[in-house]
Amino acid sequence: MARTEVQPDLFGAPAAPPAYVVPYAIAVNTLTRTLEMLQSARRWPWDPDMKAARMERNVPKMLAVLPPQEAADWRARIDAEAARLDAAA
Protein backbone atom coordinates (compact mmCIF):
# COMPACT_ATOMS: atom_id res chain seq x y z
CA MET A 1 0.00 0.00 0.00
CA ALA A 2 1.36 3.45 -0.92
CA ARG A 3 2.04 5.93 1.82
CA THR A 4 0.38 9.29 1.32
CA GLU A 5 1.93 12.52 2.55
CA VAL A 6 -0.30 15.23 3.92
CA GLN A 7 0.59 18.61 2.50
CA PRO A 8 0.12 21.53 4.88
CA ASP A 9 -2.65 23.96 4.05
CA LEU A 10 -0.79 26.91 2.56
CA PHE A 11 -3.73 29.25 2.09
CA GLY A 12 -6.35 28.42 4.65
CA ALA A 13 -4.28 28.42 7.82
CA PRO A 14 -4.92 31.35 10.14
CA ALA A 15 -2.31 34.08 10.08
CA ALA A 16 -0.10 34.70 13.07
CA PRO A 17 -1.46 37.29 15.47
CA PRO A 18 -0.15 40.78 14.77
CA ALA A 19 2.92 41.86 16.69
CA TYR A 20 2.35 44.30 19.52
CA VAL A 21 2.83 47.90 18.45
CA VAL A 22 3.43 50.44 21.19
CA PRO A 23 0.71 53.11 21.16
CA TYR A 24 1.92 56.58 20.21
CA ALA A 25 1.02 58.14 23.59
CA ILE A 26 2.94 55.48 25.51
CA ALA A 27 5.97 55.94 23.26
CA VAL A 28 5.98 59.72 23.79
CA ASN A 29 5.48 59.35 27.55
CA THR A 30 8.31 56.82 27.78
CA LEU A 31 10.66 59.03 25.74
CA THR A 32 9.72 62.07 27.83
CA ARG A 33 10.46 60.26 31.10
CA THR A 34 13.73 58.89 29.72
CA LEU A 35 14.89 62.30 28.50
CA GLU A 36 13.93 63.99 31.78
CA MET A 37 15.85 61.35 33.73
CA LEU A 38 18.94 61.85 31.56
CA GLN A 39 18.73 65.64 31.76
CA SER A 40 18.56 65.60 35.55
CA ALA A 41 21.44 63.12 35.96
CA ARG A 42 25.07 64.02 36.57
CA ARG A 43 26.15 60.51 35.61
CA TRP A 44 24.39 57.56 34.00
CA PRO A 45 21.40 56.74 36.22
CA TRP A 46 21.53 53.03 35.34
CA ASP A 47 24.03 50.20 35.62
CA PRO A 48 25.53 48.97 32.30
CA ASP A 49 22.89 46.27 31.76
CA MET A 50 19.98 48.62 32.36
CA LYS A 51 21.65 51.29 30.22
CA ALA A 52 21.88 48.80 27.35
CA ALA A 53 18.26 47.77 27.82
CA ARG A 54 17.01 51.33 27.81
CA MET A 55 19.28 52.93 25.22
CA GLU A 56 19.74 50.05 22.77
CA ARG A 57 16.38 48.33 22.94
CA ASN A 58 13.71 50.48 24.58
CA VAL A 59 14.46 53.87 22.99
CA PRO A 60 14.66 52.52 19.40
CA LYS A 61 11.40 50.63 19.94
CA MET A 62 9.69 53.84 21.08
CA LEU A 63 11.20 55.88 18.24
CA ALA A 64 9.93 53.38 15.67
CA VAL A 65 6.35 54.35 16.53
CA LEU A 66 6.84 58.04 15.76
CA PRO A 67 6.79 59.83 12.42
CA PRO A 68 10.32 60.11 10.98
CA GLN A 69 10.84 63.83 11.69
CA GLU A 70 9.59 63.55 15.26
CA ALA A 71 11.70 60.43 15.85
CA ALA A 72 14.78 62.27 14.54
CA ASP A 73 14.13 65.15 16.96
CA TRP A 74 13.78 62.80 19.93
CA ARG A 75 16.87 60.84 18.83
CA ALA A 76 18.96 64.03 18.64
CA ARG A 77 17.85 65.18 22.10
CA ILE A 78 18.47 61.79 23.70
CA ASP A 79 21.82 61.39 21.92
CA ALA A 80 22.93 64.82 23.17
CA GLU A 81 22.20 63.84 26.76
CA ALA A 82 23.90 60.47 26.29
CA ALA A 83 27.02 62.20 24.94
CA ARG A 84 27.02 64.56 27.95
CA LEU A 85 26.75 61.65 30.37
CA ASP A 86 29.45 59.69 28.53
CA ALA A 87 31.76 62.72 28.78
CA ALA A 88 31.07 63.02 32.50
CA ALA A 89 32.04 59.38 33.12
C-alpha atoms as a PDB file:
ATOM      1  CA  MET A   1       0.000   0.000   0.000  1.00  0.00           C
ATOM      2  CA  ALA A   2       1.356   3.452  -0.916  1.00  0.00           C
ATOM      3  CA  ARG A   3       2.042   5.928   1.821  1.00  0.00           C
ATOM      4  CA  THR A   4       0.380   9.294   1.321  1.00  0.00           C
ATOM      5  CA  GLU A   5       1.934  12.519   2.554  1.00  0.00           C
ATOM      6  CA  VAL A   6      -0.295  15.232   3.921  1.00  0.00           C
ATOM      7  CA  GLN A   7       0.586  18.606   2.503  1.00  0.00           C
ATOM      8  CA  PRO A   8       0.118  21.528   4.883  1.00  0.00           C
ATOM      9  CA  ASP A   9      -2.655  23.961   4.047  1.00  0.00           C
ATOM     10  CA  LEU A  10      -0.786  26.914   2.557  1.00  0.00           C
ATOM     11  CA  PHE A  11      -3.730  29.252   2.094  1.00  0.00           C
ATOM     12  CA  GLY A  12      -6.353  28.415   4.649  1.00  0.00           C
ATOM     13  CA  ALA A  13      -4.282  28.417   7.819  1.00  0.00           C
ATOM     14  CA  PRO A  14      -4.916  31.349  10.138  1.00  0.00           C
ATOM     15  CA  ALA A  15      -2.305  34.081  10.077  1.00  0.00           C
ATOM     16  CA  ALA A  16      -0.099  34.698  13.074  1.00  0.00           C
ATOM     17  CA  PRO A  17      -1.458  37.287  15.473  1.00  0.00           C
ATOM     18  CA  PRO A  18      -0.152  40.785  14.767  1.00  0.00           C
ATOM     19  CA  ALA A  19       2.923  41.858  16.692  1.00  0.00           C
ATOM     20  CA  TYR A  20       2.354  44.303  19.518  1.00  0.00           C
ATOM     21  CA  VAL A  21       2.825  47.900  18.445  1.00  0.00           C
ATOM     22  CA  VAL A  22       3.430  50.437  21.187  1.00  0.00           C
ATOM     23  CA  PRO A  23       0.712  53.105  21.162  1.00  0.00           C
ATOM     24  CA  TYR A  24       1.922  56.580  20.207  1.00  0.00           C
ATOM     25  CA  ALA A  25       1.017  58.137  23.585  1.00  0.00           C
ATOM     26  CA  ILE A  26       2.940  55.482  25.508  1.00  0.00           C
ATOM     27  CA  ALA A  27       5.968  55.944  23.255  1.00  0.00           C
ATOM     28  CA  VAL A  28       5.975  59.722  23.794  1.00  0.00           C
ATOM     29  CA  ASN A  29       5.484  59.348  27.555  1.00  0.00           C
ATOM     30  CA  THR A  30       8.313  56.824  27.775  1.00  0.00           C
ATOM     31  CA  LEU A  31      10.662  59.027  25.738  1.00  0.00           C
ATOM     32  CA  THR A  32       9.718  62.069  27.835  1.00  0.00           C
ATOM     33  CA  ARG A  33      10.464  60.259  31.097  1.00  0.00           C
ATOM     34  CA  THR A  34      13.733  58.889  29.725  1.00  0.00           C
ATOM     35  CA  LEU A  35      14.888  62.299  28.496  1.00  0.00           C
ATOM     36  CA  GLU A  36      13.932  63.987  31.777  1.00  0.00           C
ATOM     37  CA  MET A  37      15.853  61.353  33.730  1.00  0.00           C
ATOM     38  CA  LEU A  38      18.937  61.847  31.556  1.00  0.00           C
ATOM     39  CA  GLN A  39      18.731  65.639  31.764  1.00  0.00           C
ATOM     40  CA  SER A  40      18.561  65.599  35.553  1.00  0.00           C
ATOM     41  CA  ALA A  41      21.444  63.119  35.963  1.00  0.00           C
ATOM     42  CA  ARG A  42      25.065  64.020  36.575  1.00  0.00           C
ATOM     43  CA  ARG A  43      26.145  60.507  35.612  1.00  0.00           C
ATOM     44  CA  TRP A  44      24.394  57.558  34.002  1.00  0.00           C
ATOM     45  CA  PRO A  45      21.397  56.737  36.216  1.00  0.00           C
ATOM     46  CA  TRP A  46      21.534  53.031  35.343  1.00  0.00           C
ATOM     47  CA  ASP A  47      24.027  50.198  35.620  1.00  0.00           C
ATOM     48  CA  PRO A  48      25.533  48.973  32.300  1.00  0.00           C
ATOM     49  CA  ASP A  49      22.891  46.271  31.761  1.00  0.00           C
ATOM     50  CA  MET A  50      19.983  48.621  32.356  1.00  0.00           C
ATOM     51  CA  LYS A  51      21.655  51.287  30.224  1.00  0.00           C
ATOM     52  CA  ALA A  52      21.882  48.796  27.352  1.00  0.00           C
ATOM     53  CA  ALA A  53      18.260  47.767  27.820  1.00  0.00           C
ATOM     54  CA  ARG A  54      17.011  51.326  27.810  1.00  0.00           C
ATOM     55  CA  MET A  55      19.279  52.934  25.221  1.00  0.00           C
ATOM     56  CA  GLU A  56      19.744  50.046  22.773  1.00  0.00           C
ATOM     57  CA  ARG A  57      16.376  48.326  22.938  1.00  0.00           C
ATOM     58  CA  ASN A  58      13.711  50.479  24.578  1.00  0.00           C
ATOM     59  CA  VAL A  59      14.464  53.869  22.992  1.00  0.00           C
ATOM     60  CA  PRO A  60      14.658  52.524  19.404  1.00  0.00           C
ATOM     61  CA  LYS A  61      11.400  50.626  19.944  1.00  0.00           C
ATOM     62  CA  MET A  62       9.690  53.838  21.076  1.00  0.00           C
ATOM     63  CA  LEU A  63      11.198  55.882  18.242  1.00  0.00           C
ATOM     64  CA  ALA A  64       9.934  53.384  15.665  1.00  0.00           C
ATOM     65  CA  VAL A  65       6.353  54.347  16.527  1.00  0.00           C
ATOM     66  CA  LEU A  66       6.842  58.037  15.765  1.00  0.00           C
ATOM     67  CA  PRO A  67       6.785  59.826  12.422  1.00  0.00           C
ATOM     68  CA  PRO A  68      10.323  60.109  10.981  1.00  0.00           C
ATOM     69  CA  GLN A  69      10.838  63.827  11.692  1.00  0.00           C
ATOM     70  CA  GLU A  70       9.586  63.550  15.261  1.00  0.00           C
ATOM     71  CA  ALA A  71      11.698  60.432  15.846  1.00  0.00           C
ATOM     72  CA  ALA A  72      14.784  62.272  14.538  1.00  0.00           C
ATOM     73  CA  ASP A  73      14.126  65.148  16.959  1.00  0.00           C
ATOM     74  CA  TRP A  74      13.785  62.797  19.927  1.00  0.00           C
ATOM     75  CA  ARG A  75      16.867  60.837  18.829  1.00  0.00           C
ATOM     76  CA  ALA A  76      18.957  64.032  18.645  1.00  0.00           C
ATOM     77  CA  ARG A  77      17.846  65.176  22.103  1.00  0.00           C
ATOM     78  CA  ILE A  78      18.474  61.791  23.705  1.00  0.00           C
ATOM     79  CA  ASP A  79      21.823  61.386  21.918  1.00  0.00           C
ATOM     80  CA  ALA A  80      22.931  64.824  23.171  1.00  0.00           C
ATOM     81  CA  GLU A  81      22.201  63.842  26.764  1.00  0.00           C
ATOM     82  CA  ALA A  82      23.898  60.466  26.294  1.00  0.00           C
ATOM     83  CA  ALA A  83      27.015  62.204  24.944  1.00  0.00           C
ATOM     84  CA  ARG A  84      27.016  64.564  27.954  1.00  0.00           C
ATOM     85  CA  LEU A  85      26.752  61.654  30.373  1.00  0.00           C
ATOM     86  CA  ASP A  86      29.447  59.695  28.534  1.00  0.00           C
ATOM     87  CA  ALA A  87      31.761  62.717  28.776  1.00  0.00           C
ATOM     88  CA  ALA A  88      31.069  63.017  32.504  1.00  0.00           C
ATOM     89  CA  ALA A  89      32.036  59.384  33.117  1.00  0.00           C
END
